[in-house]
Amino acid sequence: MRFLALNLQAPLASFGGTAVDHYGITRPFPAASMLTGLLGNALGYQRSETEKLTELQERLIFGAFYRETCPEQIRDYQTVQLRGETSWTTDGTRAERKGASGDSTHIRYRDYLTDLDLYIVLTLMPAEKSPTLDNLVQALERPARPLSLGRKTCLPSEPLLLPPALRFQEAATPAEAALNLAGALPFRKREKEAEAKKRNRNTSPAIHLMRPALPAERGLTDTGAHPPAGLATITDERNWQGGFHGGSRQIVIEKLPVRTELSEKETTIGVSGEPT
């Protein structure tokens, strides 16, 4: 299969999760609905075009990974009074917002990921149906509307598309595509890796990966068999017509070693980040 690779970078991002009362949590990895909305925004889909958004979400297969540790989380304490104020929307129109509790102050908490640097490998099945991966590239180069990473205030700090040489990966699964991409990426934090190699000569590059559970892994918890350590059931698909999340799917979160040209040669890296 052919996978499109993206890099999501931002000072703050929020990928949502199951909200309880006034606490808006964030997961470490994006939801299927979040990626659907991101791509739909780039393609110019309207929120009322529920059939298009539903089909896009159903076709989407993806994995996501961090090259080092997952980002830290912070919690924002928010208070606001809504008395019919108007604000700009992403399509350039103004909308009025009214508080559900009259003139009372709204108090809520919102979680964010800091210094996000996340890679996505995604494909659409069936591949020949529109939009194709090439259509997504065109849309992400010139998105129809501003793009955000979770919430409207979480704007990407870099283009989402990787350079052409890294943009597409041929692989049988999202995990294989992620490992291929991770092995081809240049190191950004050479000094940090050098210090790790000083402390532990066995240290090798690794990624923290979220991928769909394989057919053989699904349902293992119900049969009493030993499931993968990172197997989890999440609710991250949106009912676009009803406007709520429903259903569930199984994912696996795991740490995988990455084979790079540098690690295969076992080259010693100096403090300056250059081979010695």
C-alpha atoms as a PDB file:
ATOM      1  CA  MET A   1       0.000   0.000   0.000  1.00  0.00           C
ATOM      2  CA  ARG A   2       1.008   3.600  -0.535  1.00  0.00           C
ATOM      3  CA  PHE A   3       1.082   5.795   2.573  1.00  0.00           C
ATOM      4  CA  LEU A   4       1.214   9.584   2.781  1.00  0.00           C
ATOM      5  CA  ALA A   5       3.520  10.911   5.524  1.00  0.00           C
ATOM      6  CA  LEU A   6       2.755  14.087   7.465  1.00  0.00           C
ATOM      7  CA  ASN A   7       4.577  15.934  10.241  1.00  0.00           C
ATOM      8  CA  LEU A   8       2.449  17.776  12.806  1.00  0.00           C
ATOM      9  CA  GLN A   9       4.413  20.433  14.678  1.00  0.00           C
ATOM     10  CA  ALA A  10       2.926  23.033  17.018  1.00  0.00           C
ATOM     11  CA  PRO A  11       3.639  24.767  20.334  1.00  0.00           C
ATOM     12  CA  LEU A  12       0.265  23.467  21.567  1.00  0.00           C
ATOM     13  CA  ALA A  13      -2.074  20.766  20.311  1.00  0.00           C
ATOM     14  CA  SER A  14      -5.060  18.895  21.693  1.00  0.00           C
ATOM     15  CA  PHE A  15      -6.326  15.601  20.327  1.00  0.00           C
ATOM     16  CA  GLY A  16      -9.380  15.231  22.513  1.00  0.00           C
ATOM     17  CA  GLY A  17     -10.757  12.264  24.373  1.00  0.00           C
ATOM     18  CA  THR A  18     -13.666  11.316  26.582  1.00  0.00           C
ATOM     19  CA  ALA A  19     -14.725  14.518  28.356  1.00  0.00           C
ATOM     20  CA  VAL A  20     -15.996  14.257  31.922  1.00  0.00           C
ATOM     21  CA  ASP A  21     -17.904  17.233  33.324  1.00  0.00           C
ATOM     22  CA  HIS A  22     -15.814  20.337  32.590  1.00  0.00           C
ATOM     23  CA  TYR A  23     -12.557  18.496  31.931  1.00  0.00           C
ATOM     24  CA  GLY A  24     -11.499  18.382  28.291  1.00  0.00           C
ATOM     25  CA  ILE A  25      -8.676  15.853  28.163  1.00  0.00           C
ATOM     26  CA  THR A  26      -6.245  15.161  25.351  1.00  0.00           C
ATOM     27  CA  ARG A  27      -4.914  11.839  24.149  1.00  0.00           C
ATOM     28  CA  PRO A  28      -1.260  11.588  23.085  1.00  0.00           C
ATOM     29  CA  PHE A  29      -2.294  10.578  19.557  1.00  0.00           C
ATOM     30  CA  PRO A  30      -4.891  12.076  17.186  1.00  0.00           C
ATOM     31  CA  ALA A  31      -8.353  10.574  16.816  1.00  0.00           C
ATOM     32  CA  ALA A  32      -9.701   9.302  13.503  1.00  0.00           C
ATOM     33  CA  SER A  33     -12.313  12.067  13.667  1.00  0.00           C
ATOM     34  CA  MET A  34      -9.640  14.740  14.193  1.00  0.00           C
ATOM     35  CA  LEU A  35      -7.686  13.616  11.110  1.00  0.00           C
ATOM     36  CA  THR A  36     -10.923  13.391   9.118  1.00  0.00           C
ATOM     37  CA  GLY A  37     -11.796  16.960  10.091  1.00  0.00           C
ATOM     38  CA  LEU A  38      -8.274  18.178   9.319  1.00  0.00           C
ATOM     39  CA  LEU A  39      -8.271  16.624   5.854  1.00  0.00           C
ATOM     40  CA  GLY A  40     -11.876  17.660   5.242  1.00  0.00           C
ATOM     41  CA  ASN A  41     -10.988  21.262   6.078  1.00  0.00           C
ATOM     42  CA  ALA A  42      -8.093  21.165   3.634  1.00  0.00           C
ATOM     43  CA  LEU A  43     -10.348  19.697   0.935  1.00  0.00           C
ATOM     44  CA  GLY A  44     -12.968  22.392   1.553  1.00  0.00           C
ATOM     45  CA  TYR A  45     -15.695  20.100   2.892  1.00  0.00           C
ATOM     46  CA  GLN A  46     -18.499  21.836   4.747  1.00  0.00           C
ATOM     47  CA  ARG A  47     -19.651  20.518   8.109  1.00  0.00           C
ATOM     48  CA  SER A  48     -23.072  19.883   6.567  1.00  0.00           C
ATOM     49  CA  GLU A  49     -21.535  17.482   4.020  1.00  0.00           C
ATOM     50  CA  THR A  50     -21.867  14.564   6.409  1.00  0.00           C
ATOM     51  CA  GLU A  51     -21.805  11.859   3.733  1.00  0.00           C
ATOM     52  CA  LYS A  52     -18.436  13.036   2.421  1.00  0.00           C
ATOM     53  CA  LEU A  53     -16.958  13.249   5.917  1.00  0.00           C
ATOM     54  CA  THR A  54     -18.328   9.837   6.892  1.00  0.00           C
ATOM     55  CA  GLU A  55     -16.895   8.215   3.770  1.00  0.00           C
ATOM     56  CA  LEU A  56     -13.513   9.890   4.306  1.00  0.00           C
ATOM     57  CA  GLN A  57     -13.383   8.635   7.890  1.00  0.00           C
ATOM     58  CA  GLU A  58     -14.351   5.092   6.867  1.00  0.00           C
ATOM     59  CA  ARG A  59     -11.614   4.996   4.206  1.00  0.00           C
ATOM     60  CA  LEU A  60      -8.893   6.333   6.515  1.00  0.00           C
ATOM     61  CA  ILE A  61      -6.190   3.939   7.788  1.00  0.00           C
ATOM     62  CA  PHE A  62      -3.348   5.513   9.746  1.00  0.00           C
ATOM     63  CA  GLY A  63      -0.622   5.222  12.307  1.00  0.00           C
ATOM     64  CA  ALA A  64       1.128   7.942  14.310  1.00  0.00           C
ATOM     65  CA  PHE A  65       4.473   8.077  16.080  1.00  0.00           C
ATOM     66  CA  TYR A  66       6.881  10.206  18.086  1.00  0.00           C
ATOM     67  CA  ARG A  67      10.577   9.832  17.430  1.00  0.00           C
ATOM     68  CA  GLU A  68      11.495  10.322  21.055  1.00  0.00           C
ATOM     69  CA  THR A  69       9.307  10.658  24.118  1.00  0.00           C
ATOM     70  CA  CYS A  70       5.683  11.750  23.972  1.00  0.00           C
ATOM     71  CA  PRO A  71       5.140  15.465  24.647  1.00  0.00           C
ATOM     72  CA  GLU A  72       4.296  16.781  28.078  1.00  0.00           C
ATOM     73  CA  GLN A  73       0.744  17.810  28.944  1.00  0.00           C
ATOM     74  CA  ILE A  74      -0.429  21.033  30.540  1.00  0.00           C
ATOM     75  CA  ARG A  75      -3.867  21.949  31.893  1.00  0.00           C
ATOM     76  CA  ASP A  76      -5.464  25.308  31.159  1.00  0.00           C
ATOM     77  CA  TYR A  77      -7.963  26.751  33.652  1.00  0.00           C
ATOM     78  CA  GLN A  78     -10.561  28.778  31.762  1.00  0.00           C
ATOM     79  CA  THR A  79     -13.321  31.130  32.860  1.00  0.00           C
ATOM     80  CA  VAL A  80     -15.607  32.941  30.426  1.00  0.00           C
ATOM     81  CA  GLN A  81     -18.953  34.676  30.248  1.00  0.00           C
ATOM     82  CA  LEU A  82     -20.876  34.362  26.991  1.00  0.00           C
ATOM     83  CA  ARG A  83     -23.554  36.994  26.438  1.00  0.00           C
ATOM     84  CA  GLY A  84     -24.217  36.712  22.743  1.00  0.00           C
ATOM     85  CA  GLU A  85     -20.746  37.774  21.571  1.00  0.00           C
ATOM     86  CA  THR A  86     -19.829  37.171  17.958  1.00  0.00           C
ATOM     87  CA  SER A  87     -16.575  35.654  16.766  1.00  0.00           C
ATOM     88  CA  TRP A  88     -14.936  34.812  13.460  1.00  0.00           C
ATOM     89  CA  THR A  89     -15.169  31.265  12.117  1.00  0.00           C
ATOM     90  CA  THR A  90     -12.632  29.490   9.882  1.00  0.00           C
ATOM     91  CA  ASP A  91     -14.752  30.057   6.773  1.00  0.00           C
ATOM     92  CA  GLY A  92     -14.593  33.840   7.204  1.00  0.00           C
ATOM     93  CA  THR A  93     -18.052  34.434   8.659  1.00  0.00           C
ATOM     94  CA  ARG A  94     -19.141  35.675  12.078  1.00  0.00           C
ATOM     95  CA  ALA A  95     -21.135  33.488  14.461  1.00  0.00           C
ATOM     96  CA  GLU A  96     -22.917  34.343  17.695  1.00  0.00           C
ATOM     97  CA  ARG A  97     -22.139  32.321  20.790  1.00  0.00           C
ATOM     98  CA  LYS A  98     -24.473  32.168  23.780  1.00  0.00           C
ATOM     99  CA  GLY A  99     -23.768  30.533  27.107  1.00  0.00           C
ATOM    100  CA  ALA A 100     -25.957  27.615  28.122  1.00  0.00           C
ATOM    101  CA  SER A 101     -26.168  28.892  31.697  1.00  0.00           C
ATOM    102  CA  GLY A 102     -27.259  32.443  31.055  1.00  0.00           C
ATOM    103  CA  ASP A 103     -24.998  35.132  32.470  1.00  0.00           C
ATOM    104  CA  SER A 104     -23.180  32.738  34.792  1.00  0.00           C
ATOM    105  CA  THR A 105     -19.430  32.314  34.442  1.00  0.00           C
ATOM    106  CA  HIS A 106     -18.326  29.156  32.675  1.00  0.00           C
ATOM    107  CA  ILE A 107     -15.470  27.336  34.416  1.00  0.00           C
ATOM    108  CA  ARG A 108     -13.665  24.564  32.614  1.00  0.00           C
ATOM    109  CA  TYR A 109     -10.309  22.836  32.218  1.00  0.00           C
ATOM    110  CA  ARG A 110      -8.630  22.051  28.905  1.00  0.00           C
ATOM    111  CA  ASP A 111      -5.577  19.831  28.454  1.00  0.00           C
ATOM    112  CA  TYR A 112      -2.926  20.433  25.788  1.00  0.00           C
ATOM    113  CA  LEU A 113       0.191  18.742  24.453  1.00  0.00           C
ATOM    114  CA  THR A 114       3.278  20.969  24.394  1.00  0.00           C
ATOM    115  CA  ASP A 115       5.974  21.190  21.712  1.00  0.00           C
ATOM    116  CA  LEU A 116       4.231  18.701  19.466  1.00  0.00           C
ATOM    117  CA  ASP A 117       6.394  16.898  16.890  1.00  0.00           C
ATOM    118  CA  LEU A 118       4.294  14.002  15.606  1.00  0.00           C
ATOM    119  CA  TYR A 119       4.471  11.977  12.403  1.00  0.00           C
ATOM    120  CA  ILE A 120       1.435  10.491  10.646  1.00  0.00           C
ATOM    121  CA  VAL A 121       1.378   7.773   7.982  1.00  0.00           C
ATOM    122  CA  LEU A 122      -2.024   7.414   6.352  1.00  0.00           C
ATOM    123  CA  THR A 123      -3.724   5.832   3.403  1.00  0.00           C
ATOM    124  CA  LEU A 124      -7.233   5.715   1.965  1.00  0.00           C
ATOM    125  CA  MET A 125      -8.956   2.490   0.930  1.00  0.00           C
ATOM    126  CA  PRO A 126      -9.983   1.880  -1.765  1.00  0.00           C
ATOM    127  CA  ALA A 127      -6.980   3.793  -3.086  1.00  0.00           C
ATOM    128  CA  GLU A 128      -8.401   4.655  -6.512  1.00  0.00           C
ATOM    129  CA  LYS A 129     -11.509   6.384  -5.163  1.00  0.00           C
ATOM    130  CA  SER A 130     -11.685  10.178  -4.902  1.00  0.00           C
ATOM    131  CA  PRO A 131     -10.203  11.870  -2.997  1.00  0.00           C
ATOM    132  CA  THR A 132      -6.898  10.082  -3.572  1.00  0.00           C
ATOM    133  CA  LEU A 133      -3.645  10.612  -1.680  1.00  0.00           C
ATOM    134  CA  ASP A 134      -2.510  12.901  -4.488  1.00  0.00           C
ATOM    135  CA  ASN A 135      -5.692  14.957  -3.983  1.00  0.00           C
ATOM    136  CA  LEU A 136      -4.808  15.226  -0.290  1.00  0.00           C
ATOM    137  CA  VAL A 137      -1.325  16.496  -1.151  1.00  0.00           C
ATOM    138  CA  GLN A 138      -2.789  19.198  -3.375  1.00  0.00           C
ATOM    139  CA  ALA A 139      -5.285  20.170  -0.668  1.00  0.00           C
ATOM    140  CA  LEU A 140      -2.641  20.327   2.067  1.00  0.00           C
ATOM    141  CA  GLU A 141      -0.396  22.475  -0.127  1.00  0.00           C
ATOM    142  CA  ARG A 142      -3.253  24.968  -0.577  1.00  0.00           C
ATOM    143  CA  PRO A 143      -5.890  24.233   2.077  1.00  0.00           C
ATOM    144  CA  ALA A 144      -9.351  25.657   1.515  1.00  0.00           C
ATOM    145  CA  ARG A 145      -9.504  26.876   5.130  1.00  0.00           C
ATOM    146  CA  PRO A 146      -7.042  27.396   8.001  1.00  0.00           C
ATOM    147  CA  LEU A 147      -5.926  24.126   9.596  1.00  0.00           C
ATOM    148  CA  SER A 148      -5.651  23.468  13.320  1.00  0.00           C
ATOM    149  CA  LEU A 149      -4.415  20.558  15.425  1.00  0.00           C
ATOM    150  CA  GLY A 150      -7.391  19.742  17.604  1.00  0.00           C
ATOM    151  CA  ARG A 151      -8.675  23.149  18.687  1.00  0.00           C
ATOM    152  CA  LYS A 152      -8.887  26.304  16.596  1.00  0.00           C
ATOM    153  CA  THR A 153      -6.181  28.000  18.679  1.00  0.00           C
ATOM    154  CA  CYS A 154      -3.701  25.162  18.031  1.00  0.00           C
ATOM    155  CA  LEU A 155      -2.130  26.233  14.762  1.00  0.00           C
ATOM    156  CA  PRO A 156       0.671  24.220  13.121  1.00  0.00           C
ATOM    157  CA  SER A 157       4.055  25.934  13.180  1.00  0.00           C
ATOM    158  CA  GLU A 158       5.368  24.151  10.063  1.00  0.00           C
ATOM    159  CA  PRO A 159       3.836  22.831   6.821  1.00  0.00           C
ATOM    160  CA  LEU A 160       2.225  19.428   7.348  1.00  0.00           C
ATOM    161  CA  LEU A 161       3.696  17.880   4.202  1.00  0.00           C
ATOM    162  CA  LEU A 162       7.166  16.360   4.328  1.00  0.00           C
ATOM    163  CA  PRO A 163       9.689  16.945   1.505  1.00  0.00           C
ATOM    164  CA  PRO A 164       8.890  14.978  -1.686  1.00  0.00           C
ATOM    165  CA  ALA A 165      11.610  12.387  -1.026  1.00  0.00           C
ATOM    166  CA  LEU A 166       9.932  11.375   2.259  1.00  0.00           C
ATOM    167  CA  ARG A 167       6.311  12.127   1.388  1.00  0.00           C
ATOM    168  CA  PHE A 168       5.208   8.637   0.323  1.00  0.00           C
ATOM    169  CA  GLN A 169       6.045   5.258   1.839  1.00  0.00           C
ATOM    170  CA  GLU A 170       5.313   1.855   0.317  1.00  0.00           C
ATOM    171  CA  ALA A 171       4.378  -0.648   3.023  1.00  0.00           C
ATOM    172  CA  ALA A 172       1.935  -3.410   3.897  1.00  0.00           C
ATOM    173  CA  THR A 173       0.851  -1.898   7.243  1.00  0.00           C
ATOM    174  CA  PRO A 174       0.934   1.468   9.046  1.00  0.00           C
ATOM    175  CA  ALA A 175       3.602   0.075  11.409  1.00  0.00           C
ATOM    176  CA  GLU A 176       5.875  -0.843   8.506  1.00  0.00           C
ATOM    177  CA  ALA A 177       5.316   2.568   6.896  1.00  0.00           C
ATOM    178  CA  ALA A 178       6.133   4.304  10.196  1.00  0.00           C
ATOM    179  CA  LEU A 179       9.363   2.336  10.650  1.00  0.00           C
ATOM    180  CA  ASN A 180      10.410   2.993   7.051  1.00  0.00           C
ATOM    181  CA  LEU A 181       9.813   6.715   7.518  1.00  0.00           C
ATOM    182  CA  ALA A 182      11.532   6.862  10.899  1.00  0.00           C
ATOM    183  CA  GLY A 183      14.612   5.148   9.459  1.00  0.00           C
ATOM    184  CA  ALA A 184      14.815   7.676   6.631  1.00  0.00           C
ATOM    185  CA  LEU A 185      14.345  10.825   8.721  1.00  0.00           C
ATOM    186  CA  PRO A 186      17.408  12.920   9.583  1.00  0.00           C
ATOM    187  CA  PHE A 187      18.113  13.395  13.285  1.00  0.00           C
ATOM    188  CA  ARG A 188      17.065  16.769  14.666  1.00  0.00           C
ATOM    189  CA  LYS A 189      18.360  16.401  18.218  1.00  0.00           C
ATOM    190  CA  ARG A 190      21.845  15.006  17.758  1.00  0.00           C
ATOM    191  CA  GLU A 191      23.201  16.432  21.032  1.00  0.00           C
ATOM    192  CA  LYS A 192      20.435  14.702  22.992  1.00  0.00           C
ATOM    193  CA  GLU A 193      21.162  11.383  21.307  1.00  0.00           C
ATOM    194  CA  ALA A 194      24.882  11.824  21.972  1.00  0.00           C
ATOM    195  CA  GLU A 195      24.264  12.267  25.681  1.00  0.00           C
ATOM    196  CA  ALA A 196      22.057   9.155  25.709  1.00  0.00           C
ATOM    197  CA  LYS A 197      24.797   7.124  24.032  1.00  0.00           C
ATOM    198  CA  LYS A 198      27.277   8.316  26.648  1.00  0.00           C
ATOM    199  CA  ARG A 199      25.054   7.083  29.478  1.00  0.00           C
ATOM    200  CA  ASN A 200      24.150   3.802  27.818  1.00  0.00           C
ATOM    201  CA  ARG A 201      26.011   2.322  24.877  1.00  0.00           C
ATOM    202  CA  ASN A 202      23.015   0.078  24.150  1.00  0.00           C
ATOM    203  CA  THR A 203      20.763   3.051  23.451  1.00  0.00           C
ATOM    204  CA  SER A 204      19.278   2.880  19.951  1.00  0.00           C
ATOM    205  CA  PRO A 205      16.743   5.035  18.091  1.00  0.00           C
ATOM    206  CA  ALA A 206      13.135   4.085  18.748  1.00  0.00           C
ATOM    207  CA  ILE A 207       9.660   5.368  18.018  1.00  0.00           C
ATOM    208  CA  HIS A 208       6.516   5.472  20.151  1.00  0.00           C
ATOM    209  CA  LEU A 209       3.876   4.198  17.737  1.00  0.00           C
ATOM    210  CA  MET A 210       0.070   4.108  17.730  1.00  0.00           C
ATOM    211  CA  ARG A 211      -1.359   1.751  15.097  1.00  0.00           C
ATOM    212  CA  PRO A 212      -4.603  -0.102  14.371  1.00  0.00           C
ATOM    213  CA  ALA A 213      -4.812  -3.520  16.005  1.00  0.00           C
ATOM    214  CA  LEU A 214      -4.195  -6.370  13.574  1.00  0.00           C
ATOM    215  CA  PRO A 215      -7.068  -8.782  12.863  1.00  0.00           C
ATOM    216  CA  ALA A 216      -5.305 -11.497  14.893  1.00  0.00           C
ATOM    217  CA  GLU A 217      -5.021  -9.139  17.891  1.00  0.00           C
ATOM    218  CA  ARG A 218      -8.636  -7.993  17.975  1.00  0.00           C
ATOM    219  CA  GLY A 219     -10.852  -9.624  20.536  1.00  0.00           C
ATOM    220  CA  LEU A 220      -7.997 -11.355  22.389  1.00  0.00           C
ATOM    221  CA  THR A 221      -9.170  -9.872  25.690  1.00  0.00           C
ATOM    222  CA  ASP A 222     -12.563 -11.560  25.209  1.00  0.00           C
ATOM    223  CA  THR A 223     -11.062 -15.011  24.527  1.00  0.00           C
ATOM    224  CA  GLY A 224      -8.748 -15.046  27.538  1.00  0.00           C
ATOM    225  CA  ALA A 225      -5.652 -15.110  25.331  1.00  0.00           C
ATOM    226  CA  HIS A 226      -2.696 -12.892  26.162  1.00  0.00           C
ATOM    227  CA  PRO A 227      -3.152  -9.602  24.224  1.00  0.00           C
ATOM    228  CA  PRO A 228      -0.338  -7.206  23.257  1.00  0.00           C
ATOM    229  CA  ALA A 229       0.743  -5.006  26.158  1.00  0.00           C
ATOM    230  CA  GLY A 230      -0.371  -1.817  24.425  1.00  0.00           C
ATOM    231  CA  LEU A 231      -3.749  -3.040  23.186  1.00  0.00           C
ATOM    232  CA  ALA A 232      -6.559  -0.585  23.965  1.00  0.00           C
ATOM    233  CA  THR A 233     -10.129   0.104  22.895  1.00  0.00           C
ATOM    234  CA  ILE A 234     -10.930   3.729  22.063  1.00  0.00           C
ATOM    235  CA  THR A 235     -13.909   5.692  20.810  1.00  0.00           C
ATOM    236  CA  ASP A 236     -12.468   8.136  18.284  1.00  0.00           C
ATOM    237  CA  GLU A 237     -14.807   7.953  15.291  1.00  0.00           C
ATOM    238  CA  ARG A 238     -17.457  10.603  14.818  1.00  0.00           C
ATOM    239  CA  ASN A 239     -21.047  10.186  13.759  1.00  0.00           C
ATOM    240  CA  TRP A 240     -20.938  13.180  11.439  1.00  0.00           C
ATOM    241  CA  GLN A 241     -24.677  13.283  10.856  1.00  0.00           C
ATOM    242  CA  GLY A 242     -25.608  13.103  14.541  1.00  0.00           C
ATOM    243  CA  GLY A 243     -22.692  15.258  15.724  1.00  0.00           C
ATOM    244  CA  PHE A 244     -21.363  12.880  18.387  1.00  0.00           C
ATOM    245  CA  HIS A 245     -18.759  10.147  18.802  1.00  0.00           C
ATOM    246  CA  GLY A 246     -19.830   6.513  18.828  1.00  0.00           C
ATOM    247  CA  GLY A 247     -18.634   2.981  18.269  1.00  0.00           C
ATOM    248  CA  SER A 248     -15.154   1.798  19.114  1.00  0.00           C
ATOM    249  CA  ARG A 249     -11.998   0.392  17.564  1.00  0.00           C
ATOM    250  CA  GLN A 250      -8.889  -1.283  18.904  1.00  0.00           C
ATOM    251  CA  ILE A 251      -5.400   0.173  18.683  1.00  0.00           C
ATOM    252  CA  VAL A 252      -1.935  -0.810  19.883  1.00  0.00           C
ATOM    253  CA  ILE A 253       0.569   1.639  21.392  1.00  0.00           C
ATOM    254  CA  GLU A 254       4.108   0.297  21.438  1.00  0.00           C
ATOM    255  CA  LYS A 255       7.765   1.274  21.382  1.00  0.00           C
ATOM    256  CA  LEU A 256       9.696  -0.088  18.403  1.00  0.00           C
ATOM    257  CA  PRO A 257      13.427   0.093  17.591  1.00  0.00           C
ATOM    258  CA  VAL A 258      14.382   1.840  14.377  1.00  0.00           C
ATOM    259  CA  ARG A 259      17.131   0.584  12.107  1.00  0.00           C
ATOM    260  CA  THR A 260      18.984   3.488  10.574  1.00  0.00           C
ATOM    261  CA  GLU A 261      22.191   3.671   8.601  1.00  0.00           C
ATOM    262  CA  LEU A 262      23.788   5.302  11.613  1.00  0.00           C
ATOM    263  CA  SER A 263      22.739   2.583  14.086  1.00  0.00           C
ATOM    264  CA  GLU A 264      23.741  -0.228  11.706  1.00  0.00           C
ATOM    265  CA  LYS A 265      27.273   1.172  11.443  1.00  0.00           C
ATOM    266  CA  GLU A 266      27.331   1.782  15.221  1.00  0.00           C
ATOM    267  CA  THR A 267      29.014   5.101  14.624  1.00  0.00           C
ATOM    268  CA  THR A 268      30.001   6.994  17.762  1.00  0.00           C
ATOM    269  CA  ILE A 269      28.455  10.461  17.889  1.00  0.00           C
ATOM    270  CA  GLY A 270      30.337  13.320  19.497  1.00  0.00           C
ATOM    271  CA  VAL A 271      28.863  16.000  21.681  1.00  0.00           C
ATOM    272  CA  SER A 272      28.757  18.321  18.672  1.00  0.00           C
ATOM    273  CA  GLY A 273      26.420  15.881  16.960  1.00  0.00           C
ATOM    274  CA  GLU A 274      28.978  14.746  14.361  1.00  0.00           C
ATOM    275  CA  PRO A 275      30.466  11.255  13.993  1.00  0.00           C
ATOM    276  CA  THR A 276      33.854  10.801  15.682  1.00  0.00           C
END
